[in-house]
Amino acid sequence: MTRMAPRAVYGEFSEDGSEFIVREPRLPAPWVNFLTNEEYCAVISHTGGGYSFYRDPKTDRILYWVGRDLWRDRPGRYVFLRDM
């Protein structure tokens, strides 16, 4: 008897496991990714909302600052990065 994986509610991993594909964008809480190096950081949610800052998120913000209130996440500007 083979076991079947339970059906994912919000999404699932790709066949090769390299990415998680969100199928239902209405998640219980925003799902954020941090894109950062030692000085610059961008916090981007699954809907495209978020903010970015240089060194200090309170004093050196570059884009919209939501503070700790990610529940009011709104889609924002989109930046696509490509590894050349």
PDB file of N, CA and C in Angstrom:
ATOM      1  N   MET A   1       0.843  -1.175   0.000  1.00  0.00           N
ATOM      2  CA  MET A   1       0.000   0.000   0.000  1.00  0.00           C
ATOM      3  C   MET A   1       0.895   1.246   0.000  1.00  0.00           C
ATOM      4  N   THR A   2       0.645   2.156  -0.894  1.00  0.00           N
ATOM      5  CA  THR A   2       1.440   3.380  -0.963  1.00  0.00           C
ATOM      6  C   THR A   2       0.736   4.489  -0.203  1.00  0.00           C
ATOM      7  N   ARG A   3       1.556   5.318   0.421  1.00  0.00           N
ATOM      8  CA  ARG A   3       1.005   6.449   1.162  1.00  0.00           C
ATOM      9  C   ARG A   3       0.916   7.653   0.252  1.00  0.00           C
ATOM     10  N   MET A   4      -0.161   8.366   0.356  1.00  0.00           N
ATOM     11  CA  MET A   4      -0.322   9.592  -0.420  1.00  0.00           C
ATOM     12  C   MET A   4      -0.090  10.771   0.512  1.00  0.00           C
ATOM     13  N   ALA A   5       0.592  11.766  -0.001  1.00  0.00           N
ATOM     14  CA  ALA A   5       0.817  12.970   0.791  1.00  0.00           C
ATOM     15  C   ALA A   5      -0.506  13.699   0.966  1.00  0.00           C
ATOM     16  N   PRO A   6      -0.719  14.299   2.145  1.00  0.00           N
ATOM     17  CA  PRO A   6      -1.960  15.049   2.325  1.00  0.00           C
ATOM     18  C   PRO A   6      -2.008  16.231   1.367  1.00  0.00           C
ATOM     19  N   ARG A   7      -3.194  16.569   0.939  1.00  0.00           N
ATOM     20  CA  ARG A   7      -3.354  17.686   0.008  1.00  0.00           C
ATOM     21  C   ARG A   7      -3.042  18.990   0.735  1.00  0.00           C
ATOM     22  N   ALA A   8      -2.196  19.785   0.129  1.00  0.00           N
ATOM     23  CA  ALA A   8      -1.825  21.061   0.726  1.00  0.00           C
ATOM     24  C   ALA A   8      -2.963  22.065   0.557  1.00  0.00           C
ATOM     25  N   VAL A   9      -3.229  22.836   1.575  1.00  0.00           N
ATOM     26  CA  VAL A   9      -4.314  23.803   1.535  1.00  0.00           C
ATOM     27  C   VAL A   9      -3.908  25.068   0.784  1.00  0.00           C
ATOM     28  N   TYR A  10      -2.714  25.576   1.054  1.00  0.00           N
ATOM     29  CA  TYR A  10      -2.294  26.858   0.481  1.00  0.00           C
ATOM     30  C   TYR A  10      -1.330  26.722  -0.685  1.00  0.00           C
ATOM     31  N   GLY A  11      -0.719  25.578  -0.842  1.00  0.00           N
ATOM     32  CA  GLY A  11       0.234  25.366  -1.924  1.00  0.00           C
ATOM     33  C   GLY A  11       1.039  24.108  -1.678  1.00  0.00           C
ATOM     34  N   GLU A  12       2.056  23.904  -2.521  1.00  0.00           N
ATOM     35  CA  GLU A  12       2.883  22.711  -2.365  1.00  0.00           C
ATOM     36  C   GLU A  12       4.252  22.965  -2.982  1.00  0.00           C
ATOM     37  N   PHE A  13       5.187  22.098  -2.634  1.00  0.00           N
ATOM     38  CA  PHE A  13       6.517  22.189  -3.216  1.00  0.00           C
ATOM     39  C   PHE A  13       6.488  21.681  -4.652  1.00  0.00           C
ATOM     40  N   SER A  14       7.357  22.256  -5.470  1.00  0.00           N
ATOM     41  CA  SER A  14       7.471  21.801  -6.857  1.00  0.00           C
ATOM     42  C   SER A  14       8.001  20.374  -6.866  1.00  0.00           C
ATOM     43  N   GLU A  15       7.886  19.712  -7.992  1.00  0.00           N
ATOM     44  CA  GLU A  15       8.324  18.315  -8.103  1.00  0.00           C
ATOM     45  C   GLU A  15       9.777  18.133  -7.690  1.00  0.00           C
ATOM     46  N   ASP A  16      10.644  19.079  -8.076  1.00  0.00           N
ATOM     47  CA  ASP A  16      12.061  18.945  -7.730  1.00  0.00           C
ATOM     48  C   ASP A  16      12.384  19.522  -6.351  1.00  0.00           C
ATOM     49  N   GLY A  17      11.393  20.099  -5.673  1.00  0.00           N
ATOM     50  CA  GLY A  17      11.582  20.610  -4.325  1.00  0.00           C
ATOM     51  C   GLY A  17      12.315  21.934  -4.236  1.00  0.00           C
ATOM     52  N   SER A  18      12.508  22.601  -5.360  1.00  0.00           N
ATOM     53  CA  SER A  18      13.292  23.837  -5.351  1.00  0.00           C
ATOM     54  C   SER A  18      12.480  25.081  -4.989  1.00  0.00           C
ATOM     55  N   GLU A  19      11.154  24.975  -4.999  1.00  0.00           N
ATOM     56  CA  GLU A  19      10.330  26.136  -4.685  1.00  0.00           C
ATOM     57  C   GLU A  19       9.001  25.696  -4.093  1.00  0.00           C
ATOM     58  N   PHE A  20       8.372  26.606  -3.361  1.00  0.00           N
ATOM     59  CA  PHE A  20       7.036  26.371  -2.836  1.00  0.00           C
ATOM     60  C   PHE A  20       6.080  27.214  -3.658  1.00  0.00           C
ATOM     61  N   ILE A  21       5.084  26.598  -4.219  1.00  0.00           N
ATOM     62  CA  ILE A  21       4.137  27.272  -5.098  1.00  0.00           C
ATOM     63  C   ILE A  21       2.868  27.564  -4.300  1.00  0.00           C
ATOM     64  N   VAL A  22       2.574  28.853  -4.104  1.00  0.00           N
ATOM     65  CA  VAL A  22       1.383  29.267  -3.361  1.00  0.00           C
ATOM     66  C   VAL A  22       0.198  29.231  -4.314  1.00  0.00           C
ATOM     67  N   ARG A  23      -0.785  28.409  -4.007  1.00  0.00           N
ATOM     68  CA  ARG A  23      -1.984  28.272  -4.843  1.00  0.00           C
ATOM     69  C   ARG A  23      -3.146  29.119  -4.322  1.00  0.00           C
ATOM     70  N   GLU A  24      -3.152  29.377  -3.034  1.00  0.00           N
ATOM     71  CA  GLU A  24      -4.219  30.165  -2.407  1.00  0.00           C
ATOM     72  C   GLU A  24      -3.580  31.376  -1.728  1.00  0.00           C
ATOM     73  N   PRO A  25      -3.713  32.572  -2.317  1.00  0.00           N
ATOM     74  CA  PRO A  25      -3.036  33.742  -1.763  1.00  0.00           C
ATOM     75  C   PRO A  25      -3.618  34.273  -0.456  1.00  0.00           C
ATOM     76  N   ARG A  26      -4.815  33.840  -0.084  1.00  0.00           N
ATOM     77  CA  ARG A  26      -5.402  34.308   1.178  1.00  0.00           C
ATOM     78  C   ARG A  26      -4.917  33.428   2.323  1.00  0.00           C
ATOM     79  N   LEU A  27      -3.702  33.684   2.762  1.00  0.00           N
ATOM     80  CA  LEU A  27      -3.088  32.916   3.844  1.00  0.00           C
ATOM     81  C   LEU A  27      -3.556  33.457   5.195  1.00  0.00           C
ATOM     82  N   PRO A  28      -3.444  32.655   6.260  1.00  0.00           N
ATOM     83  CA  PRO A  28      -3.850  33.127   7.585  1.00  0.00           C
ATOM     84  C   PRO A  28      -3.020  34.317   8.069  1.00  0.00           C
ATOM     85  N   ALA A  29      -1.786  34.421   7.601  1.00  0.00           N
ATOM     86  CA  ALA A  29      -0.886  35.532   7.941  1.00  0.00           C
ATOM     87  C   ALA A  29       0.027  35.758   6.746  1.00  0.00           C
ATOM     88  N   PRO A  30       0.543  36.966   6.568  1.00  0.00           N
ATOM     89  CA  PRO A  30       1.444  37.208   5.443  1.00  0.00           C
ATOM     90  C   PRO A  30       2.667  36.298   5.491  1.00  0.00           C
ATOM     91  N   TRP A  31       3.060  35.812   4.362  1.00  0.00           N
ATOM     92  CA  TRP A  31       4.248  34.984   4.223  1.00  0.00           C
ATOM     93  C   TRP A  31       5.316  35.889   3.637  1.00  0.00           C
ATOM     94  N   VAL A  32       6.375  36.171   4.395  1.00  0.00           N
ATOM     95  CA  VAL A  32       7.377  37.130   3.942  1.00  0.00           C
ATOM     96  C   VAL A  32       8.716  36.463   3.682  1.00  0.00           C
ATOM     97  N   ASN A  33       9.440  37.057   2.771  1.00  0.00           N
ATOM     98  CA  ASN A  33      10.808  36.653   2.467  1.00  0.00           C
ATOM     99  C   ASN A  33      11.709  37.853   2.695  1.00  0.00           C
ATOM    100  N   PHE A  34      12.886  37.587   3.240  1.00  0.00           N
ATOM    101  CA  PHE A  34      13.869  38.628   3.490  1.00  0.00           C
ATOM    102  C   PHE A  34      14.961  38.523   2.441  1.00  0.00           C
ATOM    103  N   LEU A  35      15.169  39.597   1.686  1.00  0.00           N
ATOM    104  CA  LEU A  35      16.247  39.678   0.709  1.00  0.00           C
ATOM    105  C   LEU A  35      17.241  40.672   1.291  1.00  0.00           C
ATOM    106  N   THR A  36      18.419  40.201   1.660  1.00  0.00           N
ATOM    107  CA  THR A  36      19.311  41.081   2.396  1.00  0.00           C
ATOM    108  C   THR A  36      20.780  40.779   2.156  1.00  0.00           C
ATOM    109  N   ASN A  37      21.575  41.789   2.378  1.00  0.00           N
ATOM    110  CA  ASN A  37      23.011  41.621   2.504  1.00  0.00           C
ATOM    111  C   ASN A  37      23.378  42.285   3.827  1.00  0.00           C
ATOM    112  N   GLU A  38      24.586  42.714   4.019  1.00  0.00           N
ATOM    113  CA  GLU A  38      24.958  43.268   5.322  1.00  0.00           C
ATOM    114  C   GLU A  38      24.386  44.656   5.597  1.00  0.00           C
ATOM    115  N   GLU A  39      23.912  45.364   4.570  1.00  0.00           N
ATOM    116  CA  GLU A  39      23.445  46.727   4.796  1.00  0.00           C
ATOM    117  C   GLU A  39      22.031  47.012   4.296  1.00  0.00           C
ATOM    118  N   TYR A  40      21.614  46.380   3.222  1.00  0.00           N
ATOM    119  CA  TYR A  40      20.302  46.656   2.640  1.00  0.00           C
ATOM    120  C   TYR A  40      19.392  45.456   2.863  1.00  0.00           C
ATOM    121  N   CYS A  41      18.115  45.726   3.139  1.00  0.00           N
ATOM    122  CA  CYS A  41      17.162  44.638   3.347  1.00  0.00           C
ATOM    123  C   CYS A  41      15.832  44.997   2.705  1.00  0.00           C
ATOM    124  N   ALA A  42      15.226  44.022   2.064  1.00  0.00           N
ATOM    125  CA  ALA A  42      13.871  44.150   1.540  1.00  0.00           C
ATOM    126  C   ALA A  42      13.050  43.013   2.134  1.00  0.00           C
ATOM    127  N   VAL A  43      11.912  43.350   2.686  1.00  0.00           N
ATOM    128  CA  VAL A  43      10.993  42.368   3.259  1.00  0.00           C
ATOM    129  C   VAL A  43       9.777  42.360   2.340  1.00  0.00           C
ATOM    130  N   ILE A  44       9.576  41.255   1.628  1.00  0.00           N
ATOM    131  CA  ILE A  44       8.539  41.174   0.609  1.00  0.00           C
ATOM    132  C   ILE A  44       7.555  40.060   0.960  1.00  0.00           C
ATOM    133  N   SER A  45       6.267  40.379   0.925  1.00  0.00           N
ATOM    134  CA  SER A  45       5.257  39.369   1.227  1.00  0.00           C
ATOM    135  C   SER A  45       4.852  38.610  -0.030  1.00  0.00           C
ATOM    136  N   HIS A  46       4.063  37.579   0.167  1.00  0.00           N
ATOM    137  CA  HIS A  46       3.608  36.754  -0.956  1.00  0.00           C
ATOM    138  C   HIS A  46       2.674  37.518  -1.892  1.00  0.00           C
ATOM    139  N   THR A  47       2.140  38.649  -1.453  1.00  0.00           N
ATOM    140  CA  THR A  47       1.271  39.448  -2.320  1.00  0.00           C
ATOM    141  C   THR A  47       2.000  40.595  -2.999  1.00  0.00           C
ATOM    142  N   GLY A  48       3.283  40.746  -2.705  1.00  0.00           N
ATOM    143  CA  GLY A  48       4.062  41.825  -3.304  1.00  0.00           C
ATOM    144  C   GLY A  48       4.180  43.050  -2.426  1.00  0.00           C
ATOM    145  N   GLY A  49       3.537  43.043  -1.276  1.00  0.00           N
ATOM    146  CA  GLY A  49       3.680  44.150  -0.338  1.00  0.00           C
ATOM    147  C   GLY A  49       4.976  44.015   0.431  1.00  0.00           C
ATOM    148  N   GLY A  50       5.290  45.002   1.223  1.00  0.00           N
ATOM    149  CA  GLY A  50       6.496  44.939   2.031  1.00  0.00           C
ATOM    150  C   GLY A  50       7.186  46.281   2.103  1.00  0.00           C
ATOM    151  N   TYR A  51       8.447  46.248   2.442  1.00  0.00           N
ATOM    152  CA  TYR A  51       9.212  47.475   2.588  1.00  0.00           C
ATOM    153  C   TYR A  51      10.685  47.157   2.432  1.00  0.00           C
ATOM    154  N   SER A  52      11.496  48.206   2.324  1.00  0.00           N
ATOM    155  CA  SER A  52      12.941  48.011   2.281  1.00  0.00           C
ATOM    156  C   SER A  52      13.609  49.138   3.047  1.00  0.00           C
ATOM    157  N   PHE A  53      14.828  48.876   3.470  1.00  0.00           N
ATOM    158  CA  PHE A  53      15.559  49.871   4.245  1.00  0.00           C
ATOM    159  C   PHE A  53      17.057  49.648   4.107  1.00  0.00           C
ATOM    160  N   TYR A  54      17.790  50.687   4.464  1.00  0.00           N
ATOM    161  CA  TYR A  54      19.245  50.656   4.462  1.00  0.00           C
ATOM    162  C   TYR A  54      19.699  50.755   5.905  1.00  0.00           C
ATOM    163  N   ARG A  55      20.287  49.722   6.423  1.00  0.00           N
ATOM    164  CA  ARG A  55      20.819  49.603   7.788  1.00  0.00           C
ATOM    165  C   ARG A  55      19.756  49.573   8.886  1.00  0.00           C
ATOM    166  N   ASP A  56      18.959  50.614   9.053  1.00  0.00           N
ATOM    167  CA  ASP A  56      18.006  50.681  10.165  1.00  0.00           C
ATOM    168  C   ASP A  56      16.584  50.865   9.630  1.00  0.00           C
ATOM    169  N   PRO A  57      15.683  49.922   9.914  1.00  0.00           N
ATOM    170  CA  PRO A  57      14.336  50.004   9.346  1.00  0.00           C
ATOM    171  C   PRO A  57      13.511  51.182   9.863  1.00  0.00           C
ATOM    172  N   LYS A  58      13.862  51.744  10.997  1.00  0.00           N
ATOM    173  CA  LYS A  58      13.080  52.857  11.535  1.00  0.00           C
ATOM    174  C   LYS A  58      13.542  54.211  11.017  1.00  0.00           C
ATOM    175  N   THR A  59      14.824  54.353  10.746  1.00  0.00           N
ATOM    176  CA  THR A  59      15.329  55.667  10.342  1.00  0.00           C
ATOM    177  C   THR A  59      15.810  55.728   8.901  1.00  0.00           C
ATOM    178  N   ASP A  60      16.110  54.594   8.298  1.00  0.00           N
ATOM    179  CA  ASP A  60      16.673  54.582   6.943  1.00  0.00           C
ATOM    180  C   ASP A  60      15.813  53.804   5.961  1.00  0.00           C
ATOM    181  N   ARG A  61      14.509  53.941   6.088  1.00  0.00           N
ATOM    182  CA  ARG A  61      13.625  53.207   5.185  1.00  0.00           C
ATOM    183  C   ARG A  61      13.650  53.826   3.793  1.00  0.00           C
ATOM    184  N   ILE A  62      13.457  52.984   2.819  1.00  0.00           N
ATOM    185  CA  ILE A  62      13.457  53.429   1.430  1.00  0.00           C
ATOM    186  C   ILE A  62      12.046  53.335   0.859  1.00  0.00           C
ATOM    187  N   LEU A  63      11.365  52.257   1.153  1.00  0.00           N
ATOM    188  CA  LEU A  63       9.985  52.075   0.708  1.00  0.00           C
ATOM    189  C   LEU A  63       9.075  51.971   1.919  1.00  0.00           C
ATOM    190  N   TYR A  64       7.791  51.904   1.690  1.00  0.00           N
ATOM    191  CA  TYR A  64       6.731  51.872   2.703  1.00  0.00           C
ATOM    192  C   TYR A  64       7.094  51.037   3.929  1.00  0.00           C
ATOM    193  N   TRP A  65       6.918  51.605   5.095  1.00  0.00           N
ATOM    194  CA  TRP A  65       7.216  50.923   6.356  1.00  0.00           C
ATOM    195  C   TRP A  65       5.919  50.507   7.014  1.00  0.00           C
ATOM    196  N   VAL A  66       5.753  49.222   7.290  1.00  0.00           N
ATOM    197  CA  VAL A  66       4.541  48.741   7.947  1.00  0.00           C
ATOM    198  C   VAL A  66       4.775  48.424   9.408  1.00  0.00           C
ATOM    199  N   GLY A  67       6.001  48.538   9.856  1.00  0.00           N
ATOM    200  CA  GLY A  67       6.298  48.221  11.247  1.00  0.00           C
ATOM    201  C   GLY A  67       5.993  46.772  11.541  1.00  0.00           C
ATOM    202  N   ARG A  68       5.370  46.538  12.651  1.00  0.00           N
ATOM    203  CA  ARG A  68       5.036  45.158  13.022  1.00  0.00           C
ATOM    204  C   ARG A  68       3.660  44.744  12.517  1.00  0.00           C
ATOM    205  N   ASP A  69       2.988  45.641  11.852  1.00  0.00           N
ATOM    206  CA  ASP A  69       1.618  45.379  11.430  1.00  0.00           C
ATOM    207  C   ASP A  69       1.556  44.804  10.016  1.00  0.00           C
ATOM    208  N   LEU A  70       2.117  43.621   9.838  1.00  0.00           N
ATOM    209  CA  LEU A  70       2.066  42.989   8.525  1.00  0.00           C
ATOM    210  C   LEU A  70       0.674  42.472   8.178  1.00  0.00           C
ATOM    211  N   TRP A  71      -0.254  42.521   9.134  1.00  0.00           N
ATOM    212  CA  TRP A  71      -1.622  42.076   8.851  1.00  0.00           C
ATOM    213  C   TRP A  71      -2.300  42.997   7.852  1.00  0.00           C
ATOM    214  N   ARG A  72      -1.845  44.256   7.780  1.00  0.00           N
ATOM    215  CA  ARG A  72      -2.414  45.195   6.817  1.00  0.00           C
ATOM    216  C   ARG A  72      -1.572  45.244   5.551  1.00  0.00           C
ATOM    217  N   ASP A  73      -0.939  44.169   5.239  1.00  0.00           N
ATOM    218  CA  ASP A  73      -0.078  44.088   4.065  1.00  0.00           C
ATOM    219  C   ASP A  73      -0.863  44.416   2.805  1.00  0.00           C
ATOM    220  N   ARG A  74      -0.298  45.251   1.980  1.00  0.00           N
ATOM    221  CA  ARG A  74      -0.914  45.614   0.712  1.00  0.00           C
ATOM    222  C   ARG A  74       0.085  45.396  -0.410  1.00  0.00           C
ATOM    223  N   PRO A  75      -0.387  44.991  -1.553  1.00  0.00           N
ATOM    224  CA  PRO A  75       0.537  44.855  -2.678  1.00  0.00           C
ATOM    225  C   PRO A  75       1.215  46.190  -2.964  1.00  0.00           C
ATOM    226  N   GLY A  76       2.458  46.105  -3.378  1.00  0.00           N
ATOM    227  CA  GLY A  76       3.209  47.329  -3.630  1.00  0.00           C
ATOM    228  C   GLY A  76       3.907  47.288  -4.971  1.00  0.00           C
ATOM    229  N   ARG A  77       5.028  47.957  -5.035  1.00  0.00           N
ATOM    230  CA  ARG A  77       5.833  47.936  -6.251  1.00  0.00           C
ATOM    231  C   ARG A  77       6.455  46.564  -6.409  1.00  0.00           C
ATOM    232  N   TYR A  78       6.650  46.168  -7.639  1.00  0.00           N
ATOM    233  CA  TYR A  78       7.238  44.863  -7.893  1.00  0.00           C
ATOM    234  C   TYR A  78       8.640  45.030  -8.439  1.00  0.00           C
ATOM    235  N   VAL A  79       9.551  44.280  -7.887  1.00  0.00           N
ATOM    236  CA  VAL A  79      10.936  44.278  -8.350  1.00  0.00           C
ATOM    237  C   VAL A  79      11.281  42.842  -8.691  1.00  0.00           C
ATOM    238  N   PHE A  80      11.709  42.609  -9.899  1.00  0.00           N
ATOM    239  CA  PHE A  80      12.087  41.270 -10.316  1.00  0.00           C
ATOM    240  C   PHE A  80      13.602  41.206 -10.411  1.00  0.00           C
ATOM    241  N   LEU A  81      14.190  40.260  -9.712  1.00  0.00           N
ATOM    242  CA  LEU A  81      15.635  40.073  -9.738  1.00  0.00           C
ATOM    243  C   LEU A  81      15.956  38.874 -10.603  1.00  0.00           C
ATOM    244  N   ARG A  82      16.992  39.002 -11.373  1.00  0.00           N
ATOM    245  CA  ARG A  82      17.393  37.889 -12.223  1.00  0.00           C
ATOM    246  C   ARG A  82      18.890  37.690 -12.094  1.00  0.00           C
ATOM    247  N   ASP A  83      19.291  36.466 -11.817  1.00  0.00           N
ATOM    248  CA  ASP A  83      20.707  36.131 -11.734  1.00  0.00           C
ATOM    249  C   ASP A  83      21.224  35.973 -13.154  1.00  0.00           C
ATOM    250  N   MET A  84      22.101  36.854 -13.572  1.00  0.00           N
ATOM    251  CA  MET A  84      22.593  36.835 -14.954  1.00  0.00           C
ATOM    252  C   MET A  84      23.795  35.927 -15.062  1.00  0.00           C
TER     253      MET A  84
END
